PDB file of N, CA and C in Angstrom:
ATOM      1  N   VAL A   1     108.383  91.979 106.532  1.00  0.00           N
ATOM      2  CA  VAL A   1     109.101  93.204 106.255  1.00  0.00           C
ATOM      3  C   VAL A   1     109.167  93.392 104.743  1.00  0.00           C
ATOM      4  N   VAL A   2     108.827  94.563 104.300  1.00  0.00           N
ATOM      5  CA  VAL A   2     108.923  94.928 102.897  1.00  0.00           C
ATOM      6  C   VAL A   2     109.668  96.249 102.833  1.00  0.00           C
ATOM      7  N   SER A   3     110.663  96.323 101.982  1.00  0.00           N
ATOM      8  CA  SER A   3     111.390  97.574 101.780  1.00  0.00           C
ATOM      9  C   SER A   3     110.884  98.247 100.514  1.00  0.00           C
ATOM     10  N   ILE A   4     110.984  99.562 100.495  1.00  0.00           N
ATOM     11  CA  ILE A   4     110.576 100.353  99.338  1.00  0.00           C
ATOM     12  C   ILE A   4     111.723 101.269  98.987  1.00  0.00           C
ATOM     13  N   ASP A   5     112.003 101.376  97.698  1.00  0.00           N
ATOM     14  CA  ASP A   5     113.078 102.267  97.267  1.00  0.00           C
ATOM     15  C   ASP A   5     112.716 102.899  95.941  1.00  0.00           C
ATOM     16  N   GLN A   6     113.205 104.111  95.726  1.00  0.00           N
ATOM     17  CA  GLN A   6     112.984 104.824  94.470  1.00  0.00           C
ATOM     18  C   GLN A   6     114.089 104.552  93.460  1.00  0.00           C
ATOM     19  N   ASN A   7     115.068 103.742  93.835  1.00  0.00           N
ATOM     20  CA  ASN A   7     116.177 103.426  92.951  1.00  0.00           C
ATOM     21  C   ASN A   7     115.861 102.125  92.215  1.00  0.00           C
ATOM     22  N   PRO A   8     115.468 102.205  90.923  1.00  0.00           N
ATOM     23  CA  PRO A   8     115.090 100.987  90.213  1.00  0.00           C
ATOM     24  C   PRO A   8     116.223  99.973  90.101  1.00  0.00           C
ATOM     25  N   GLN A   9     117.464 100.429  90.033  1.00  0.00           N
ATOM     26  CA  GLN A   9     118.586  99.500  89.945  1.00  0.00           C
ATOM     27  C   GLN A   9     118.707  98.686  91.226  1.00  0.00           C
ATOM     28  N   LEU A  10     118.565  99.340  92.370  1.00  0.00           N
ATOM     29  CA  LEU A  10     118.617  98.627  93.645  1.00  0.00           C
ATOM     30  C   LEU A  10     117.513  97.585  93.722  1.00  0.00           C
ATOM     31  N   VAL A  11     116.327  97.936  93.262  1.00  0.00           N
ATOM     32  CA  VAL A  11     115.212  96.995  93.281  1.00  0.00           C
ATOM     33  C   VAL A  11     115.497  95.814  92.358  1.00  0.00           C
ATOM     34  N   ARG A  12     116.003  96.089  91.159  1.00  0.00           N
ATOM     35  CA  ARG A  12     116.317  95.016  90.204  1.00  0.00           C
ATOM     36  C   ARG A  12     117.399  94.084  90.733  1.00  0.00           C
ATOM     37  N   GLU A  13     118.387  94.640  91.433  1.00  0.00           N
ATOM     38  CA  GLU A  13     119.525  93.852  91.887  1.00  0.00           C
ATOM     39  C   GLU A  13     119.308  93.194  93.247  1.00  0.00           C
ATOM     40  N   SER A  14     118.136  93.391  93.841  1.00  0.00           N
ATOM     41  CA  SER A  14     117.898  92.797  95.152  1.00  0.00           C
ATOM     42  C   SER A  14     117.894  91.281  95.048  1.00  0.00           C
ATOM     43  N   ASN A  15     118.358  90.638  96.083  1.00  0.00           N
ATOM     44  CA  ASN A  15     118.406  89.185  96.142  1.00  0.00           C
ATOM     45  C   ASN A  15     117.024  88.672  96.542  1.00  0.00           C
ATOM     46  N   PRO A  16     116.425  87.773  95.754  1.00  0.00           N
ATOM     47  CA  PRO A  16     115.084  87.274  96.069  1.00  0.00           C
ATOM     48  C   PRO A  16     114.978  86.633  97.452  1.00  0.00           C
ATOM     49  N   GLY A  17     116.085  86.148  97.997  1.00  0.00           N
ATOM     50  CA  GLY A  17     116.049  85.546  99.327  1.00  0.00           C
ATOM     51  C   GLY A  17     116.083  86.565 100.448  1.00  0.00           C
ATOM     52  N   ASP A  18     116.412  87.788 100.117  1.00  0.00           N
ATOM     53  CA  ASP A  18     116.458  88.854 101.116  1.00  0.00           C
ATOM     54  C   ASP A  18     115.062  89.437 101.313  1.00  0.00           C
ATOM     55  N   THR A  19     114.997  90.468 102.109  1.00  0.00           N
ATOM     56  CA  THR A  19     113.752  91.196 102.291  1.00  0.00           C
ATOM     57  C   THR A  19     113.280  91.726 100.938  1.00  0.00           C
ATOM     58  N   PRO A  20     112.013  91.524 100.601  1.00  0.00           N
ATOM     59  CA  PRO A  20     111.528  92.034  99.315  1.00  0.00           C
ATOM     60  C   PRO A  20     111.663  93.559  99.234  1.00  0.00           C
ATOM     61  N   ILE A  21     112.051  94.025  98.062  1.00  0.00           N
ATOM     62  CA  ILE A  21     112.166  95.469  97.838  1.00  0.00           C
ATOM     63  C   ILE A  21     111.228  95.838  96.699  1.00  0.00           C
ATOM     64  N   LEU A  22     110.353  96.778  96.956  1.00  0.00           N
ATOM     65  CA  LEU A  22     109.426  97.276  95.946  1.00  0.00           C
ATOM     66  C   LEU A  22     109.910  98.620  95.430  1.00  0.00           C
ATOM     67  N   PHE A  23     109.657  98.873  94.167  1.00  0.00           N
ATOM     68  CA  PHE A  23     109.950 100.182  93.593  1.00  0.00           C
ATOM     69  C   PHE A  23     108.735 101.063  93.832  1.00  0.00           C
ATOM     70  N   GLY A  24     108.963 102.230  94.428  1.00  0.00           N
ATOM     71  CA  GLY A  24     107.838 103.120  94.669  1.00  0.00           C
ATOM     72  C   GLY A  24     108.266 104.440  95.267  1.00  0.00           C
ATOM     73  N   ASP A  25     107.297 105.330  95.358  1.00  0.00           N
ATOM     74  CA  ASP A  25     107.501 106.677  95.858  1.00  0.00           C
ATOM     75  C   ASP A  25     106.696 106.857  97.138  1.00  0.00           C
ATOM     76  N   ALA A  26     107.379 107.109  98.244  1.00  0.00           N
ATOM     77  CA  ALA A  26     106.724 107.250  99.545  1.00  0.00           C
ATOM     78  C   ALA A  26     105.767 108.434  99.598  1.00  0.00           C
ATOM     79  N   GLU A  27     105.885 109.360  98.649  1.00  0.00           N
ATOM     80  CA  GLU A  27     104.985 110.516  98.626  1.00  0.00           C
ATOM     81  C   GLU A  27     103.761 110.294  97.742  1.00  0.00           C
ATOM     82  N   ASP A  28     103.674 109.155  97.077  1.00  0.00           N
ATOM     83  CA  ASP A  28     102.584 108.887  96.145  1.00  0.00           C
ATOM     84  C   ASP A  28     101.448 108.152  96.861  1.00  0.00           C
ATOM     85  N   PRO A  29     100.309 108.833  97.089  1.00  0.00           N
ATOM     86  CA  PRO A  29      99.190 108.185  97.790  1.00  0.00           C
ATOM     87  C   PRO A  29      98.680 106.937  97.078  1.00  0.00           C
ATOM     88  N   ASN A  30      98.741 106.915  95.740  1.00  0.00           N
ATOM     89  CA  ASN A  30      98.296 105.721  95.004  1.00  0.00           C
ATOM     90  C   ASN A  30      99.205 104.537  95.279  1.00  0.00           C
ATOM     91  N   PHE A  31     100.500 104.786  95.374  1.00  0.00           N
ATOM     92  CA  PHE A  31     101.433 103.707  95.714  1.00  0.00           C
ATOM     93  C   PHE A  31     101.169 103.215  97.136  1.00  0.00           C
ATOM     94  N   LEU A  32     101.028 104.152  98.066  1.00  0.00           N
ATOM     95  CA  LEU A  32     100.789 103.771  99.461  1.00  0.00           C
ATOM     96  C   LEU A  32      99.516 102.939  99.608  1.00  0.00           C
ATOM     97  N   ALA A  33      98.512 103.262  98.815  1.00  0.00           N
ATOM     98  CA  ALA A  33      97.232 102.553  98.902  1.00  0.00           C
ATOM     99  C   ALA A  33      97.360 101.080  98.526  1.00  0.00           C
ATOM    100  N   HIS A  34      98.410 100.708  97.816  1.00  0.00           N
ATOM    101  CA  HIS A  34      98.586  99.317  97.402  1.00  0.00           C
ATOM    102  C   HIS A  34      99.517  98.523  98.321  1.00  0.00           C
ATOM    103  N   LEU A  35      99.981  99.140  99.385  1.00  0.00           N
ATOM    104  CA  LEU A  35     100.849  98.432 100.333  1.00  0.00           C
ATOM    105  C   LEU A  35     100.002  97.603 101.292  1.00  0.00           C
ATOM    106  N   PRO A  36     100.548  96.505 101.820  1.00  0.00           N
ATOM    107  CA  PRO A  36      99.794  95.657 102.760  1.00  0.00           C
ATOM    108  C   PRO A  36      99.770  96.253 104.166  1.00  0.00           C
ATOM    109  N   LEU A  37      99.225  97.443 104.283  1.00  0.00           N
ATOM    110  CA  LEU A  37      99.245  98.162 105.555  1.00  0.00           C
ATOM    111  C   LEU A  37      98.376  97.518 106.630  1.00  0.00           C
ATOM    112  N   GLU A  38      97.366  96.763 106.218  1.00  0.00           N
ATOM    113  CA  GLU A  38      96.473  96.151 107.207  1.00  0.00           C
ATOM    114  C   GLU A  38      97.217  95.150 108.089  1.00  0.00           C
ATOM    115  N   ARG A  39      98.350  94.653 107.614  1.00  0.00           N
ATOM    116  CA  ARG A  39      99.142  93.690 108.396  1.00  0.00           C
ATOM    117  C   ARG A  39     100.332  94.347 109.092  1.00  0.00           C
ATOM    118  N   ALA A  40     100.531  95.633 108.867  1.00  0.00           N
ATOM    119  CA  ALA A  40     101.725  96.305 109.384  1.00  0.00           C
ATOM    120  C   ALA A  40     101.427  96.971 110.724  1.00  0.00           C
ATOM    121  N   SER A  41     102.321  96.760 111.675  1.00  0.00           N
ATOM    122  CA  SER A  41     102.199  97.482 112.940  1.00  0.00           C
ATOM    123  C   SER A  41     103.123  98.700 112.954  1.00  0.00           C
ATOM    124  N   TRP A  42     104.132  98.700 112.087  1.00  0.00           N
ATOM    125  CA  TRP A  42     105.084  99.811 111.978  1.00  0.00           C
ATOM    126  C   TRP A  42     105.339 100.140 110.517  1.00  0.00           C
ATOM    127  N   VAL A  43     105.563 101.425 110.259  1.00  0.00           N
ATOM    128  CA  VAL A  43     106.159 101.889 109.011  1.00  0.00           C
ATOM    129  C   VAL A  43     107.400 102.660 109.434  1.00  0.00           C
ATOM    130  N   ILE A  44     108.543 102.283 108.886  1.00  0.00           N
ATOM    131  CA  ILE A  44     109.809 102.920 109.247  1.00  0.00           C
ATOM    132  C   ILE A  44     110.395 103.562 107.994  1.00  0.00           C
ATOM    133  N   SER A  45     110.570 104.865 108.046  1.00  0.00           N
ATOM    134  CA  SER A  45     111.130 105.592 106.918  1.00  0.00           C
ATOM    135  C   SER A  45     112.596 105.916 107.198  1.00  0.00           C
ATOM    136  N   THR A  46     113.455 105.485 106.287  1.00  0.00           N
ATOM    137  CA  THR A  46     114.872 105.835 106.400  1.00  0.00           C
ATOM    138  C   THR A  46     115.228 106.998 105.488  1.00  0.00           C
ATOM    139  N   VAL A  47     114.216 107.587 104.867  1.00  0.00           N
ATOM    140  CA  VAL A  47     114.411 108.765 104.018  1.00  0.00           C
ATOM    141  C   VAL A  47     114.682 109.950 104.936  1.00  0.00           C
ATOM    142  N   ARG A  48     115.747 110.675 104.657  1.00  0.00           N
ATOM    143  CA  ARG A  48     116.106 111.792 105.526  1.00  0.00           C
ATOM    144  C   ARG A  48     115.693 113.123 104.892  1.00  0.00           C
ATOM    145  N   HIS A  49     114.432 113.201 104.471  1.00  0.00           N
ATOM    146  CA  HIS A  49     113.890 114.434 103.916  1.00  0.00           C
ATOM    147  C   HIS A  49     112.585 114.741 104.647  1.00  0.00           C
ATOM    148  N   GLN A  50     112.550 115.850 105.317  1.00  0.00           N
ATOM    149  CA  GLN A  50     111.391 116.216 106.119  1.00  0.00           C
ATOM    150  C   GLN A  50     110.110 116.234 105.293  1.00  0.00           C
ATOM    151  N   ASP A  51     110.141 116.840 104.109  1.00  0.00           N
ATOM    152  CA  ASP A  51     108.928 116.933 103.289  1.00  0.00           C
ATOM    153  C   ASP A  51     108.425 115.555 102.868  1.00  0.00           C
ATOM    154  N   THR A  52     109.338 114.664 102.512  1.00  0.00           N
ATOM    155  CA  THR A  52     108.941 113.309 102.130  1.00  0.00           C
ATOM    156  C   THR A  52     108.321 112.581 103.309  1.00  0.00           C
ATOM    157  N   ASN A  53     108.934 112.701 104.479  1.00  0.00           N
ATOM    158  CA  ASN A  53     108.391 112.050 105.669  1.00  0.00           C
ATOM    159  C   ASN A  53     107.043 112.637 106.059  1.00  0.00           C
ATOM    160  N   SER A  54     106.882 113.948 105.916  1.00  0.00           N
ATOM    161  CA  SER A  54     105.589 114.582 106.202  1.00  0.00           C
ATOM    162  C   SER A  54     104.513 114.038 105.270  1.00  0.00           C
ATOM    163  N   ALA A  55     104.844 113.964 103.972  1.00  0.00           N
ATOM    164  CA  ALA A  55     103.883 113.456 102.988  1.00  0.00           C
ATOM    165  C   ALA A  55     103.558 111.989 103.251  1.00  0.00           C
ATOM    166  N   LEU A  56     104.569 111.213 103.596  1.00  0.00           N
ATOM    167  CA  LEU A  56     104.357 109.802 103.906  1.00  0.00           C
ATOM    168  C   LEU A  56     103.408 109.646 105.086  1.00  0.00           C
ATOM    169  N   MET A  57     103.674 110.370 106.161  1.00  0.00           N
ATOM    170  CA  MET A  57     102.822 110.255 107.352  1.00  0.00           C
ATOM    171  C   MET A  57     101.393 110.676 107.041  1.00  0.00           C
ATOM    172  N   SER A  58     101.245 111.758 106.313  1.00  0.00           N
ATOM    173  CA  SER A  58      99.914 112.232 105.946  1.00  0.00           C
ATOM    174  C   SER A  58      99.196 111.202 105.086  1.00  0.00           C
ATOM    175  N   GLY A  59      99.894 110.657 104.103  1.00  0.00           N
ATOM    176  CA  GLY A  59      99.300 109.649 103.233  1.00  0.00           C
ATOM    177  C   GLY A  59      98.873 108.407 103.990  1.00  0.00           C
ATOM    178  N   LEU A  60      99.717 107.958 104.918  1.00  0.00           N
ATOM    179  CA  LEU A  60      99.384 106.779 105.711  1.00  0.00           C
ATOM    180  C   LEU A  60      98.157 107.021 106.571  1.00  0.00           C
ATOM    181  N   ARG A  61      98.107 108.162 107.221  1.00  0.00           N
ATOM    182  CA  ARG A  61      96.954 108.473 108.085  1.00  0.00           C
ATOM    183  C   ARG A  61      95.684 108.626 107.257  1.00  0.00           C
ATOM    184  N   ASN A  62      95.801 109.231 106.065  1.00  0.00           N
ATOM    185  CA  ASN A  62      94.626 109.369 105.194  1.00  0.00           C
ATOM    186  C   ASN A  62      94.092 108.019 104.752  1.00  0.00           C
ATOM    187  N   LEU A  63      94.958 107.024 104.695  1.00  0.00           N
ATOM    188  CA  LEU A  63      94.549 105.667 104.331  1.00  0.00           C
ATOM    189  C   LEU A  63      94.019 104.885 105.529  1.00  0.00           C
ATOM    190  N   GLY A  64      94.042 105.504 106.703  1.00  0.00           N
ATOM    191  CA  GLY A  64      93.545 104.845 107.901  1.00  0.00           C
ATOM    192  C   GLY A  64      94.571 103.979 108.608  1.00  0.00           C
ATOM    193  N   PHE A  65      95.852 104.132 108.270  1.00  0.00           N
ATOM    194  CA  PHE A  65      96.889 103.346 108.940  1.00  0.00           C
ATOM    195  C   PHE A  65      96.878 103.687 110.430  1.00  0.00           C
ATOM    196  N   ALA A  66      96.694 102.674 111.252  1.00  0.00           N
ATOM    197  CA  ALA A  66      96.596 102.880 112.693  1.00  0.00           C
ATOM    198  C   ALA A  66      97.861 102.466 113.433  1.00  0.00           C
ATOM    199  N   GLY A  67      98.850 101.982 112.691  1.00  0.00           N
ATOM    200  CA  GLY A  67     100.094 101.549 113.323  1.00  0.00           C
ATOM    201  C   GLY A  67     100.973 102.725 113.687  1.00  0.00           C
ATOM    202  N   ARG A  68     102.181 102.408 114.064  1.00  0.00           N
ATOM    203  CA  ARG A  68     103.136 103.436 114.481  1.00  0.00           C
ATOM    204  C   ARG A  68     104.077 103.767 113.336  1.00  0.00           C
ATOM    205  N   ILE A  69     104.622 104.986 113.380  1.00  0.00           N
ATOM    206  CA  ILE A  69     105.494 105.472 112.316  1.00  0.00           C
ATOM    207  C   ILE A  69     106.797 105.974 112.919  1.00  0.00           C
ATOM    208  N   ALA A  70     107.912 105.485 112.373  1.00  0.00           N
ATOM    209  CA  ALA A  70     109.240 105.966 112.750  1.00  0.00           C
ATOM    210  C   ALA A  70     109.840 106.649 111.527  1.00  0.00           C
ATOM    211  N   VAL A  71     110.451 107.804 111.738  1.00  0.00           N
ATOM    212  CA  VAL A  71     111.072 108.546 110.643  1.00  0.00           C
ATOM    213  C   VAL A  71     112.521 108.852 110.992  1.00  0.00           C
ATOM    214  N   THR A  72     113.321 109.028 109.969  1.00  0.00           N
ATOM    215  CA  THR A  72     114.741 109.315 110.115  1.00  0.00           C
ATOM    216  C   THR A  72     114.993 110.774 109.766  1.00  0.00           C
ATOM    217  N   VAL A  73     115.802 111.444 110.588  1.00  0.00           N
ATOM    218  CA  VAL A  73     116.092 112.859 110.364  1.00  0.00           C
ATOM    219  C   VAL A  73     117.588 113.115 110.506  1.00  0.00           C
ATOM    220  N   ASP A  74     117.999 114.257 109.956  1.00  0.00           N
ATOM    221  CA  ASP A  74     119.386 114.700 110.103  1.00  0.00           C
ATOM    222  C   ASP A  74     119.566 115.656 111.270  1.00  0.00           C
ATOM    223  N   THR A  75     118.520 116.421 111.588  1.00  0.00           N
ATOM    224  CA  THR A  75     118.670 117.462 112.611  1.00  0.00           C
ATOM    225  C   THR A  75     117.577 117.353 113.670  1.00  0.00           C
ATOM    226  N   PRO A  76     117.863 117.828 114.870  1.00  0.00           N
ATOM    227  CA  PRO A  76     116.837 117.845 115.918  1.00  0.00           C
ATOM    228  C   PRO A  76     115.627 118.703 115.524  1.00  0.00           C
ATOM    229  N   GLU A  77     115.866 119.757 114.759  1.00  0.00           N
ATOM    230  CA  GLU A  77     114.764 120.618 114.334  1.00  0.00           C
ATOM    231  C   GLU A  77     113.770 119.855 113.454  1.00  0.00           C
ATOM    232  N   GLU A  78     114.303 119.070 112.504  1.00  0.00           N
ATOM    233  CA  GLU A  78     113.435 118.252 111.661  1.00  0.00           C
ATOM    234  C   GLU A  78     112.677 117.240 112.512  1.00  0.00           C
ATOM    235  N   GLY A  79     113.368 116.660 113.468  1.00  0.00           N
ATOM    236  CA  GLY A  79     112.730 115.692 114.357  1.00  0.00           C
ATOM    237  C   GLY A  79     111.590 116.312 115.146  1.00  0.00           C
ATOM    238  N   ALA A  80     111.794 117.512 115.643  1.00  0.00           N
ATOM    239  CA  ALA A  80     110.746 118.184 116.417  1.00  0.00           C
ATOM    240  C   ALA A  80     109.517 118.449 115.545  1.00  0.00           C
ATOM    241  N   ILE A  81     109.745 118.878 114.316  1.00  0.00           N
ATOM    242  CA  ILE A  81     108.629 119.140 113.405  1.00  0.00           C
ATOM    243  C   ILE A  81     107.853 117.861 113.127  1.00  0.00           C
ATOM    244  N   LEU A  82     108.577 116.787 112.806  1.00  0.00           N
ATOM    245  CA  LEU A  82     107.914 115.528 112.484  1.00  0.00           C
ATOM    246  C   LEU A  82     107.236 114.915 113.707  1.00  0.00           C
ATOM    247  N   ALA A  83     107.791 115.123 114.879  1.00  0.00           N
ATOM    248  CA  ALA A  83     107.136 114.654 116.103  1.00  0.00           C
ATOM    249  C   ALA A  83     105.809 115.391 116.301  1.00  0.00           C
ATOM    250  N   ARG A  84     105.810 116.693 116.058  1.00  0.00           N
ATOM    251  CA  ARG A  84     104.564 117.463 116.170  1.00  0.00           C
ATOM    252  C   ARG A  84     103.538 116.992 115.143  1.00  0.00           C
ATOM    253  N   GLU A  85     104.018 116.518 114.001  1.00  0.00           N
ATOM    254  CA  GLU A  85     103.115 116.030 112.956  1.00  0.00           C
ATOM    255  C   GLU A  85     102.637 114.607 113.217  1.00  0.00           C
ATOM    256  N   GLY A  86     103.149 113.971 114.256  1.00  0.00           N
ATOM    257  CA  GLY A  86     102.635 112.658 114.631  1.00  0.00           C
ATOM    258  C   GLY A  86     103.576 111.483 114.533  1.00  0.00           C
ATOM    259  N   ALA A  87     104.848 111.707 114.221  1.00  0.00           N
ATOM    260  CA  ALA A  87     105.785 110.576 114.200  1.00  0.00           C
ATOM    261  C   ALA A  87     105.893 109.995 115.607  1.00  0.00           C
ATOM    262  N   ASP A  88     105.854 108.677 115.687  1.00  0.00           N
ATOM    263  CA  ASP A  88     105.941 108.018 116.992  1.00  0.00           C
ATOM    264  C   ASP A  88     107.373 107.908 117.485  1.00  0.00           C
ATOM    265  N   VAL A  89     108.299 107.705 116.557  1.00  0.00           N
ATOM    266  CA  VAL A  89     109.715 107.565 116.905  1.00  0.00           C
ATOM    267  C   VAL A  89     110.526 108.373 115.905  1.00  0.00           C
ATOM    268  N   ILE A  90     111.494 109.111 116.420  1.00  0.00           N
ATOM    269  CA  ILE A  90     112.412 109.882 115.586  1.00  0.00           C
ATOM    270  C   ILE A  90     113.766 109.186 115.643  1.00  0.00           C
ATOM    271  N   LEU A  91     114.255 108.780 114.481  1.00  0.00           N
ATOM    272  CA  LEU A  91     115.558 108.122 114.390  1.00  0.00           C
ATOM    273  C   LEU A  91     116.604 109.139 113.948  1.00  0.00           C
ATOM    274  N   THR A  92     117.704 109.182 114.666  1.00  0.00           N
ATOM    275  CA  THR A  92     118.797 110.112 114.357  1.00  0.00           C
ATOM    276  C   THR A  92     120.084 109.313 114.197  1.00  0.00           C
ATOM    277  N   PRO A  93     120.262 108.642 113.065  1.00  0.00           N
ATOM    278  CA  PRO A  93     121.389 107.710 112.933  1.00  0.00           C
ATOM    279  C   PRO A  93     122.756 108.364 113.041  1.00  0.00           C
ATOM    280  N   PHE A  94     122.929 109.576 112.529  1.00  0.00           N
ATOM    281  CA  PHE A  94     124.248 110.203 112.606  1.00  0.00           C
ATOM    282  C   PHE A  94     124.582 110.592 114.039  1.00  0.00           C
ATOM    283  N   THR A  95     123.611 111.115 114.761  1.00  0.00           N
ATOM    284  CA  THR A  95     123.820 111.467 116.167  1.00  0.00           C
ATOM    285  C   THR A  95     124.096 110.216 116.987  1.00  0.00           C
ATOM    286  N   GLU A  96     123.311 109.172 116.742  1.00  0.00           N
ATOM    287  CA  GLU A  96     123.496 107.923 117.482  1.00  0.00           C
ATOM    288  C   GLU A  96     124.836 107.277 117.149  1.00  0.00           C
ATOM    289  N   ALA A  97     125.232 107.317 115.887  1.00  0.00           N
ATOM    290  CA  ALA A  97     126.530 106.753 115.497  1.00  0.00           C
ATOM    291  C   ALA A  97     127.677 107.524 116.139  1.00  0.00           C
ATOM    292  N   ALA A  98     127.571 108.833 116.197  1.00  0.00           N
ATOM    293  CA  ALA A  98     128.618 109.646 116.821  1.00  0.00           C
ATOM    294  C   ALA A  98     128.719 109.333 118.312  1.00  0.00           C
ATOM    295  N   ARG A  99     127.570 109.143 118.965  1.00  0.00           N
ATOM    296  CA  ARG A  99     127.583 108.816 120.395  1.00  0.00           C
ATOM    297  C   ARG A  99     128.259 107.470 120.631  1.00  0.00           C
ATOM    298  N   VAL A 100     127.912 106.475 119.828  1.00  0.00           N
ATOM    299  CA  VAL A 100     128.509 105.144 119.973  1.00  0.00           C
ATOM    300  C   VAL A 100     130.000 105.206 119.668  1.00  0.00           C
ATOM    301  N   ALA A 101     130.380 105.952 118.634  1.00  0.00           N
ATOM    302  CA  ALA A 101     131.801 106.082 118.296  1.00  0.00           C
ATOM    303  C   ALA A 101     132.568 106.718 119.442  1.00  0.00           C
ATOM    304  N   ALA A 102     132.020 107.773 120.027  1.00  0.00           N
ATOM    305  CA  ALA A 102     132.690 108.437 121.148  1.00  0.00           C
ATOM    306  C   ALA A 102     132.835 107.491 122.335  1.00  0.00           C
ATOM    307  N   GLU A 103     131.781 106.729 122.629  1.00  0.00           N
ATOM    308  CA  GLU A 103     131.850 105.762 123.727  1.00  0.00           C
ATOM    309  C   GLU A 103     132.939 104.718 123.476  1.00  0.00           C
ATOM    310  N   ARG A 104     133.008 104.213 122.256  1.00  0.00           N
ATOM    311  CA  ARG A 104     134.024 103.220 121.924  1.00  0.00           C
ATOM    312  C   ARG A 104     135.427 103.782 122.046  1.00  0.00           C
ATOM    313  N   LEU A 105     135.600 105.006 121.560  1.00  0.00           N
ATOM    314  CA  LEU A 105     136.927 105.628 121.631  1.00  0.00           C
ATOM    315  C   LEU A 105     137.344 105.911 123.071  1.00  0.00           C
ATOM    316  N   LEU A 106     136.392 106.330 123.878  1.00  0.00           N
ATOM    317  CA  LEU A 106     136.712 106.629 125.275  1.00  0.00           C
ATOM    318  C   LEU A 106     136.978 105.358 126.071  1.00  0.00           C
ATOM    319  N   ASP A 107     136.381 104.240 125.657  1.00  0.00           N
ATOM    320  CA  ASP A 107     136.589 102.969 126.350  1.00  0.00           C
ATOM    321  C   ASP A 107     137.814 102.222 125.835  1.00  0.00           C
ATOM    322  N   ASP A 108     138.426 102.686 124.757  1.00  0.00           N
ATOM    323  CA  ASP A 108     139.574 102.016 124.149  1.00  0.00           C
ATOM    324  C   ASP A 108     140.807 102.217 125.024  1.00  0.00           C
ATOM    325  N   PRO A 109     141.370 101.126 125.561  1.00  0.00           N
ATOM    326  CA  PRO A 109     142.514 101.260 126.467  1.00  0.00           C
ATOM    327  C   PRO A 109     143.833 101.594 125.766  1.00  0.00           C
ATOM    328  N   SER A 110     143.902 101.549 124.457  1.00  0.00           N
ATOM    329  CA  SER A 110     145.183 101.761 123.771  1.00  0.00           C
ATOM    330  C   SER A 110     145.482 103.203 123.544  1.00  0.00           C
TER     331      SER A 110
END
């Protein structure tokens, strides 16, 4: 597992024993070309920007990445667009968190 972030401070402060964090731009084809994609079966984007995820998916496919891609979205509309563009899995953390919170609250006996 390798993480990528555009925040240089986060990259500098990462713990060497944790998952490695690289500084980079998911929309930069030159950066993507230097990732160890030949060993990756998944690319998971936690960036919640449709344009960035679109560019990432396009860049990965242009590089011949044959693995699966999961993207994170804020709205069902963004998810539908990215699914049409080829995302294998659409992650909706706010919707999923709200569902889990509601389940917990409804199951709370107090």
